[in-house]
Amino acid sequence: MFFYVLAWIISFYGASPRQPAQAKTNNSVRIYGTCYNAGTGVDLKVRAFALFRKSKMTLGESSDAGDFDFQIPDSTRYLSFECKGFRTATIPVRFLGSMASDTKFRIGVPMSTKESLPVEPMNQLVLCFTMLDSLDVTCEVKEIDNSDHVVTFNFKRGRPPRTVTIRDFKQGNYVLTASTADGRTLLNEEMTAGLGINFKAVYLKKSNESDVAKSSDKAPVNPFDTKTSLYFEQSSYELRKETKASLDSIARLLLVQPNLVAYLTGYTDNVGRRELNVTLSEYRARMVEGYLRQKGIPSHRLVSAGKGPDSSVAANEPEEAKSKSRRVVIQLSPR
């Protein structure tokens, strides 16, 4: 269930503002935007600095209208903005993944007067998209450990955004996905957000027919009829060789179909104490979950449970029949 995110999702289009003096650097990205009075919303003329572990770099000043456009090294730890009569705003920054030197991020920084209460730094995730303008794309940013925490935004063809900003963004582990209206996956990537401003460049490309064909070679659209069973040795939760091969195919299917969730239910035979069998069934389900996570499937798309000897054959049945009860059933369902 979607939660009410205390966030503004803002897409910016068109050219960036006029450029004051910039600091030229290698391995850098560009930031542009404004600093503004938190009480009135009026843009401010500021002086900006990039702070490192043991040094400080002057980036320059904003224009008289308050616009700035700076290059900053990707080793920057903090951004600092100064304005006469206002408290200095110093904000931690993080760079999530690699990005090209021409990547541009738009930011807005609130500042408080010296007579007013200081503005608490706001965590932000700032995404810069590079994508073809011929696609309708749906993107999701979802917290891995809490699937209810999700932000969804749509891009319409012909109007590719430059930057999307999500404010009041919690620290934690997230998965970023992007897919087309017909269900083709363009991106499925995990990331870890920290304090301050988190910058991430997102590169999306159009899936053509050959891409779809290649994906189909690796993962048929529906090879398991949405449900399959994986079997285990008696009293064991170790994965068999043939089980791993089946899981590899299931993982490829989940990667190319991000709308699917895998429900993993472990079972045992009816021999021995029930409480021990329930624990063993949970271990079996968790082993399957762990294997799929190693293959790149995020935890929010895997739901595991153990039901012990429920749905097993009777204890006096032949061994061949009982062996069919030592299993994990994988049910694939749309979320």
Protein backbone atom coordinates (compact mmCIF):
# COMPACT_ATOMS: atom_id res chain seq x y z
CA MET A 1 0.00 0.00 0.00
CA PHE A 2 1.35 3.37 -0.99
CA PHE A 3 2.14 5.75 1.82
CA TYR A 4 1.78 9.50 1.86
CA VAL A 5 5.29 10.71 1.12
CA LEU A 6 6.15 14.09 2.55
CA ALA A 7 7.93 14.92 -0.66
CA TRP A 8 7.78 17.25 -3.58
CA ILE A 9 8.46 15.57 -6.90
CA ILE A 10 9.52 18.27 -9.27
CA SER A 11 10.48 17.80 -12.93
CA PHE A 12 12.46 20.52 -14.65
CA TYR A 13 12.56 21.06 -18.40
CA GLY A 14 14.44 23.28 -20.78
CA ALA A 15 17.73 25.08 -20.51
CA SER A 16 19.58 25.84 -17.30
CA PRO A 17 19.90 29.41 -15.99
CA ARG A 18 22.60 31.84 -17.00
CA GLN A 19 26.03 31.02 -15.71
CA PRO A 20 28.12 33.09 -13.30
CA ALA A 21 31.79 32.33 -12.80
CA GLN A 22 32.42 28.59 -12.28
CA ALA A 23 35.17 26.51 -10.73
CA LYS A 24 36.53 24.18 -13.44
CA THR A 25 37.35 20.70 -12.15
CA ASN A 26 38.00 17.16 -13.36
CA ASN A 27 35.66 14.28 -12.41
CA SER A 28 32.93 16.77 -11.75
CA VAL A 29 29.21 17.28 -12.21
CA ARG A 30 27.16 20.45 -12.49
CA ILE A 31 24.66 21.75 -9.96
CA TYR A 32 22.32 24.63 -10.71
CA GLY A 33 19.39 26.23 -8.95
CA THR A 34 18.83 28.80 -6.20
CA CYS A 35 19.13 29.44 -2.50
CA TYR A 36 16.04 31.09 -1.03
CA ASN A 37 14.75 32.73 2.13
CA ALA A 38 12.96 29.94 4.01
CA GLY A 39 10.51 32.47 5.45
CA THR A 40 9.56 34.37 2.30
CA GLY A 41 10.64 32.15 -0.61
CA VAL A 42 12.65 34.99 -2.16
CA ASP A 43 15.80 33.89 -4.02
CA LEU A 44 19.11 35.06 -2.54
CA LYS A 45 22.47 36.08 -3.94
CA VAL A 46 24.92 33.66 -2.31
CA ARG A 47 28.55 32.65 -2.28
CA ALA A 48 29.13 28.90 -2.58
CA PHE A 49 31.87 26.51 -1.46
CA ALA A 50 32.68 22.81 -1.85
CA LEU A 51 34.09 21.22 1.30
CA PHE A 52 36.33 18.16 1.27
CA ARG A 53 37.88 16.04 3.98
CA LYS A 54 40.64 18.56 4.70
CA SER A 55 40.14 21.44 2.26
CA LYS A 56 37.66 23.96 0.89
CA MET A 57 37.06 25.20 -2.67
CA THR A 58 35.35 28.43 -3.67
CA LEU A 59 32.76 27.67 -6.34
CA GLY A 60 31.63 31.23 -7.02
CA GLU A 61 28.63 33.49 -6.60
CA SER A 62 25.08 33.29 -7.83
CA SER A 63 23.70 35.90 -10.21
CA ASP A 64 21.88 39.00 -8.99
CA ALA A 65 18.62 37.12 -9.62
CA GLY A 66 19.83 34.30 -7.34
CA ASP A 67 20.60 31.67 -10.00
CA PHE A 68 23.80 29.64 -9.70
CA ASP A 69 25.47 27.09 -11.96
CA PHE A 70 28.65 25.44 -10.64
CA GLN A 71 30.83 22.44 -11.39
CA ILE A 72 31.69 20.44 -8.28
CA PRO A 73 34.16 17.57 -7.87
CA ASP A 74 32.66 14.17 -7.15
CA SER A 75 34.86 14.05 -4.05
CA THR A 76 32.86 16.88 -2.46
CA ARG A 77 31.65 16.03 1.06
CA TYR A 78 29.58 19.16 1.78
CA LEU A 79 28.16 22.16 -0.04
CA SER A 80 28.18 25.44 1.85
CA PHE A 81 26.26 28.62 0.97
CA GLU A 82 26.80 32.05 2.54
CA CYS A 83 24.63 35.17 2.33
CA LYS A 84 24.88 38.41 4.33
CA GLY A 85 22.32 38.46 7.12
CA PHE A 86 21.63 34.72 6.84
CA ARG A 87 22.92 31.64 8.61
CA THR A 88 25.42 29.64 6.56
CA ALA A 89 23.78 26.55 5.05
CA THR A 90 26.14 23.54 5.05
CA ILE A 91 24.73 20.34 3.56
CA PRO A 92 26.27 16.84 3.26
CA VAL A 93 26.32 15.47 -0.30
CA ARG A 94 26.63 11.93 -1.65
CA PHE A 95 27.17 10.66 -5.18
CA LEU A 96 25.37 7.38 -5.85
CA GLY A 97 27.15 5.52 -8.61
CA SER A 98 29.15 6.82 -11.55
CA MET A 99 28.08 9.73 -13.72
CA ALA A 100 29.31 11.66 -16.74
CA SER A 101 30.98 15.06 -16.29
CA ASP A 102 28.13 16.83 -18.13
CA THR A 103 25.48 15.49 -15.72
CA LYS A 104 23.41 18.36 -14.31
CA PHE A 105 21.37 18.42 -11.09
CA ARG A 106 18.95 21.13 -10.06
CA ILE A 107 18.72 21.88 -6.33
CA GLY A 108 16.95 24.37 -4.10
CA VAL A 109 18.49 25.31 -0.73
CA PRO A 110 16.49 27.05 2.02
CA MET A 111 18.33 29.54 4.26
CA SER A 112 17.20 31.25 7.46
CA THR A 113 17.97 34.74 8.69
CA LYS A 114 20.26 35.10 11.69
CA GLU A 115 17.30 36.38 13.74
CA SER A 116 15.13 33.33 12.99
CA LEU A 117 15.42 29.68 13.96
CA PRO A 118 17.91 27.69 11.85
CA VAL A 119 16.55 25.52 9.03
CA GLU A 120 17.18 21.85 9.59
CA PRO A 121 18.98 20.23 6.62
CA MET A 122 16.50 18.30 4.47
CA ASN A 123 17.42 14.91 3.04
CA GLN A 124 16.92 14.84 -0.71
CA LEU A 125 17.31 12.38 -3.56
CA VAL A 126 18.10 14.24 -6.78
CA LEU A 127 17.84 12.14 -9.95
CA CYS A 128 19.15 13.32 -13.32
CA PHE A 129 17.65 11.32 -16.18
CA THR A 130 19.21 10.67 -19.57
CA MET A 131 16.62 8.95 -21.74
CA LEU A 132 15.06 8.79 -25.15
CA ASP A 133 12.06 11.08 -25.52
CA SER A 134 10.03 8.49 -27.46
CA LEU A 135 8.98 6.49 -24.38
CA ASP A 136 6.27 6.63 -21.74
CA VAL A 137 8.13 5.47 -18.63
CA THR A 138 7.01 4.68 -15.08
CA CYS A 139 9.67 4.91 -12.37
CA GLU A 140 9.49 3.73 -8.77
CA VAL A 141 11.78 4.42 -5.83
CA LYS A 142 10.96 1.84 -3.14
CA GLU A 143 12.50 1.22 0.27
CA ILE A 144 13.84 -2.34 0.31
CA ASP A 145 13.01 -3.12 3.93
CA ASN A 146 9.56 -1.52 3.79
CA SER A 147 7.63 -2.08 0.58
CA ASP A 148 4.97 0.43 1.67
CA HIS A 149 7.48 3.26 1.29
CA VAL A 150 7.39 3.99 -2.42
CA VAL A 151 7.42 7.03 -4.69
CA THR A 152 6.10 6.65 -8.24
CA PHE A 153 6.40 9.14 -11.09
CA ASN A 154 5.63 8.98 -14.80
CA PHE A 155 7.44 10.50 -17.77
CA LYS A 156 5.51 11.24 -20.92
CA ARG A 157 7.10 10.87 -24.34
CA GLY A 158 8.39 14.04 -25.94
CA ARG A 159 9.10 15.72 -22.59
CA PRO A 160 12.11 14.04 -20.96
CA PRO A 161 12.83 15.66 -17.56
CA ARG A 162 16.22 16.98 -16.62
CA THR A 163 15.92 16.47 -12.86
CA VAL A 164 13.52 14.94 -10.36
CA THR A 165 13.87 15.86 -6.69
CA ILE A 166 12.36 13.86 -3.84
CA ARG A 167 12.45 15.81 -0.59
CA ASP A 168 12.21 14.55 3.01
CA PHE A 169 13.89 11.37 1.80
CA LYS A 170 14.73 8.82 4.51
CA GLN A 171 18.16 7.28 4.87
CA GLY A 172 18.23 3.62 3.88
CA ASN A 173 18.39 1.07 1.09
CA TYR A 174 16.20 1.53 -1.96
CA VAL A 175 15.54 -0.02 -5.34
CA LEU A 176 14.99 2.16 -8.39
CA THR A 177 13.01 0.63 -11.24
CA ALA A 178 11.89 1.97 -14.61
CA SER A 179 9.58 0.24 -17.06
CA THR A 180 7.60 1.03 -20.18
CA ALA A 181 3.82 1.00 -20.49
CA ASP A 182 3.96 -2.48 -22.11
CA GLY A 183 5.97 -3.91 -19.21
CA ARG A 184 9.52 -3.83 -20.57
CA THR A 185 12.15 -3.27 -17.89
CA LEU A 186 14.60 -0.43 -18.51
CA LEU A 187 16.24 -0.34 -15.07
CA ASN A 188 16.30 -2.28 -11.80
CA GLU A 189 19.02 -0.98 -9.48
CA GLU A 190 19.59 -0.84 -5.73
CA MET A 191 21.07 2.20 -3.97
CA THR A 192 21.80 3.44 -0.45
CA ALA A 193 20.76 6.99 0.49
CA GLY A 194 22.39 8.94 3.32
CA LEU A 195 22.12 12.30 5.03
CA GLY A 196 21.88 15.48 2.97
CA ILE A 197 21.61 15.63 -0.81
CA ASN A 198 22.00 12.34 -2.69
CA PHE A 199 22.87 12.78 -6.37
CA LYS A 200 22.23 9.95 -8.83
CA ALA A 201 22.47 9.85 -12.63
CA VAL A 202 19.95 7.54 -14.29
CA TYR A 203 20.56 6.34 -17.84
CA LEU A 204 17.61 4.78 -19.64
CA LYS A 205 17.66 3.36 -23.13
CA LYS A 206 14.85 2.12 -25.29
CA SER A 207 14.37 -1.65 -25.43
CA ASN A 208 14.29 -2.68 -29.08
CA GLU A 209 13.08 -5.93 -30.59
CA SER A 210 16.51 -7.56 -30.43
CA ASP A 211 16.77 -6.71 -26.71
CA VAL A 212 13.42 -8.36 -26.08
CA ALA A 213 14.46 -11.41 -28.07
CA LYS A 214 17.70 -11.73 -26.08
CA SER A 215 15.78 -11.45 -22.82
CA SER A 216 13.36 -14.11 -24.04
CA ASP A 217 16.25 -16.46 -24.77
CA LYS A 218 17.43 -16.12 -21.19
CA ALA A 219 14.03 -16.16 -19.49
CA PRO A 220 10.89 -17.46 -21.19
CA VAL A 221 7.84 -15.38 -20.42
CA ASN A 222 6.14 -18.11 -18.39
CA PRO A 223 8.25 -21.29 -18.08
CA PHE A 224 6.76 -22.42 -14.75
CA ASP A 225 3.06 -21.64 -15.23
CA THR A 226 3.59 -19.18 -12.32
CA LYS A 227 4.13 -22.03 -9.83
CA THR A 228 6.92 -24.56 -9.26
CA SER A 229 8.24 -26.83 -6.49
CA LEU A 230 11.87 -27.32 -5.47
CA TYR A 231 12.77 -30.48 -3.53
CA PHE A 232 15.21 -31.18 -0.65
CA GLU A 233 16.90 -34.16 0.98
CA GLN A 234 15.45 -35.43 4.28
CA SER A 235 16.32 -33.16 7.26
CA SER A 236 18.29 -30.85 4.94
CA TYR A 237 17.85 -27.29 3.71
CA GLU A 238 20.83 -27.32 1.32
CA LEU A 239 20.04 -26.46 -2.28
CA ARG A 240 20.55 -29.23 -4.81
CA LYS A 241 22.42 -28.61 -8.06
CA GLU A 242 19.23 -28.98 -10.10
CA THR A 243 17.44 -26.66 -7.66
CA LYS A 244 19.99 -23.92 -8.27
CA ALA A 245 19.54 -24.31 -12.03
CA SER A 246 15.79 -23.82 -11.62
CA LEU A 247 16.34 -20.80 -9.39
CA ASP A 248 18.66 -19.25 -11.98
CA SER A 249 15.83 -19.39 -14.51
CA ILE A 250 13.32 -17.99 -12.03
CA ALA A 251 15.71 -15.13 -11.18
CA ARG A 252 16.05 -14.22 -14.87
CA LEU A 253 12.28 -14.21 -15.21
CA LEU A 254 11.88 -11.92 -12.18
CA LEU A 255 14.54 -9.54 -13.52
CA VAL A 256 12.78 -9.05 -16.85
CA GLN A 257 9.30 -8.86 -15.29
CA PRO A 258 9.52 -6.40 -12.36
CA ASN A 259 5.77 -6.59 -11.79
CA LEU A 260 6.08 -10.11 -10.34
CA VAL A 261 6.48 -11.06 -6.68
CA ALA A 262 7.70 -14.52 -5.62
CA TYR A 263 5.96 -16.18 -2.65
CA LEU A 264 8.24 -18.88 -1.21
CA THR A 265 6.59 -21.45 1.07
CA GLY A 266 8.65 -24.19 2.71
CA TYR A 267 7.32 -27.63 3.68
CA THR A 268 8.64 -30.85 5.27
CA ASP A 269 7.51 -34.45 5.46
CA ASN A 270 5.43 -35.71 8.40
CA VAL A 271 8.30 -37.47 10.22
CA GLY A 272 9.49 -36.12 13.60
CA ARG A 273 8.43 -33.32 15.92
CA ARG A 274 6.21 -30.64 14.39
CA GLU A 275 8.10 -27.64 15.86
CA LEU A 276 11.39 -28.88 14.40
CA ASN A 277 9.76 -29.44 11.03
CA VAL A 278 8.33 -25.90 11.03
CA THR A 279 11.80 -24.49 11.70
CA LEU A 280 13.31 -26.66 8.95
CA SER A 281 10.66 -25.49 6.47
CA GLU A 282 11.48 -21.86 7.30
CA TYR A 283 15.18 -22.51 6.68
CA ARG A 284 14.36 -24.04 3.30
CA ALA A 285 12.33 -21.00 2.27
CA ARG A 286 15.06 -18.64 3.49
CA MET A 287 17.74 -20.53 1.58
CA VAL A 288 15.73 -20.05 -1.61
CA GLU A 289 15.17 -16.37 -0.78
CA GLY A 290 18.88 -15.84 -0.10
CA TYR A 291 19.86 -17.44 -3.40
CA LEU A 292 17.46 -15.23 -5.36
CA ARG A 293 18.73 -12.12 -3.57
CA GLN A 294 22.28 -13.05 -4.62
CA LYS A 295 21.00 -13.08 -8.20
CA GLY A 296 19.82 -9.48 -7.89
CA ILE A 297 16.19 -9.85 -6.82
CA PRO A 298 15.41 -7.24 -4.12
CA SER A 299 13.96 -8.50 -0.86
CA HIS A 300 10.69 -6.57 -1.24
CA ARG A 301 9.80 -8.88 -4.16
CA LEU A 302 10.38 -12.07 -2.13
CA VAL A 303 7.95 -13.25 0.57
CA SER A 304 8.98 -16.41 2.46
CA ALA A 305 7.20 -18.57 5.04
CA GLY A 306 7.47 -22.06 6.52
CA LYS A 307 4.49 -24.36 7.08
CA GLY A 308 6.25 -27.49 8.32
CA PRO A 309 4.41 -30.75 7.63
CA ASP A 310 1.20 -29.06 6.51
CA SER A 311 0.08 -30.46 3.14
CA SER A 312 2.42 -33.43 3.49
CA VAL A 313 1.60 -37.08 2.95
CA ALA A 314 1.10 -39.44 5.90
CA ALA A 315 4.13 -40.76 7.79
CA ASN A 316 3.36 -44.38 6.82
CA GLU A 317 3.45 -43.63 3.08
CA PRO A 318 6.37 -44.89 0.94
CA GLU A 319 9.60 -42.87 0.91
CA GLU A 320 9.07 -41.81 -2.69
CA ALA A 321 5.77 -40.19 -1.75
CA LYS A 322 7.18 -38.52 1.38
CA SER A 323 10.07 -37.03 -0.61
CA LYS A 324 7.57 -34.92 -2.55
CA SER A 325 6.66 -33.16 0.72
CA ARG A 326 10.23 -31.89 1.33
CA ARG A 327 9.91 -28.84 -0.86
CA VAL A 328 9.67 -25.11 -1.33
CA VAL A 329 6.76 -23.99 -3.48
CA ILE A 330 7.38 -20.81 -5.50
CA GLN A 331 4.26 -18.92 -6.55
CA LEU A 332 4.77 -15.98 -8.92
CA SER A 333 2.04 -13.34 -8.76
CA PRO A 334 1.62 -9.77 -10.03
CA ARG A 335 1.98 -7.19 -7.30
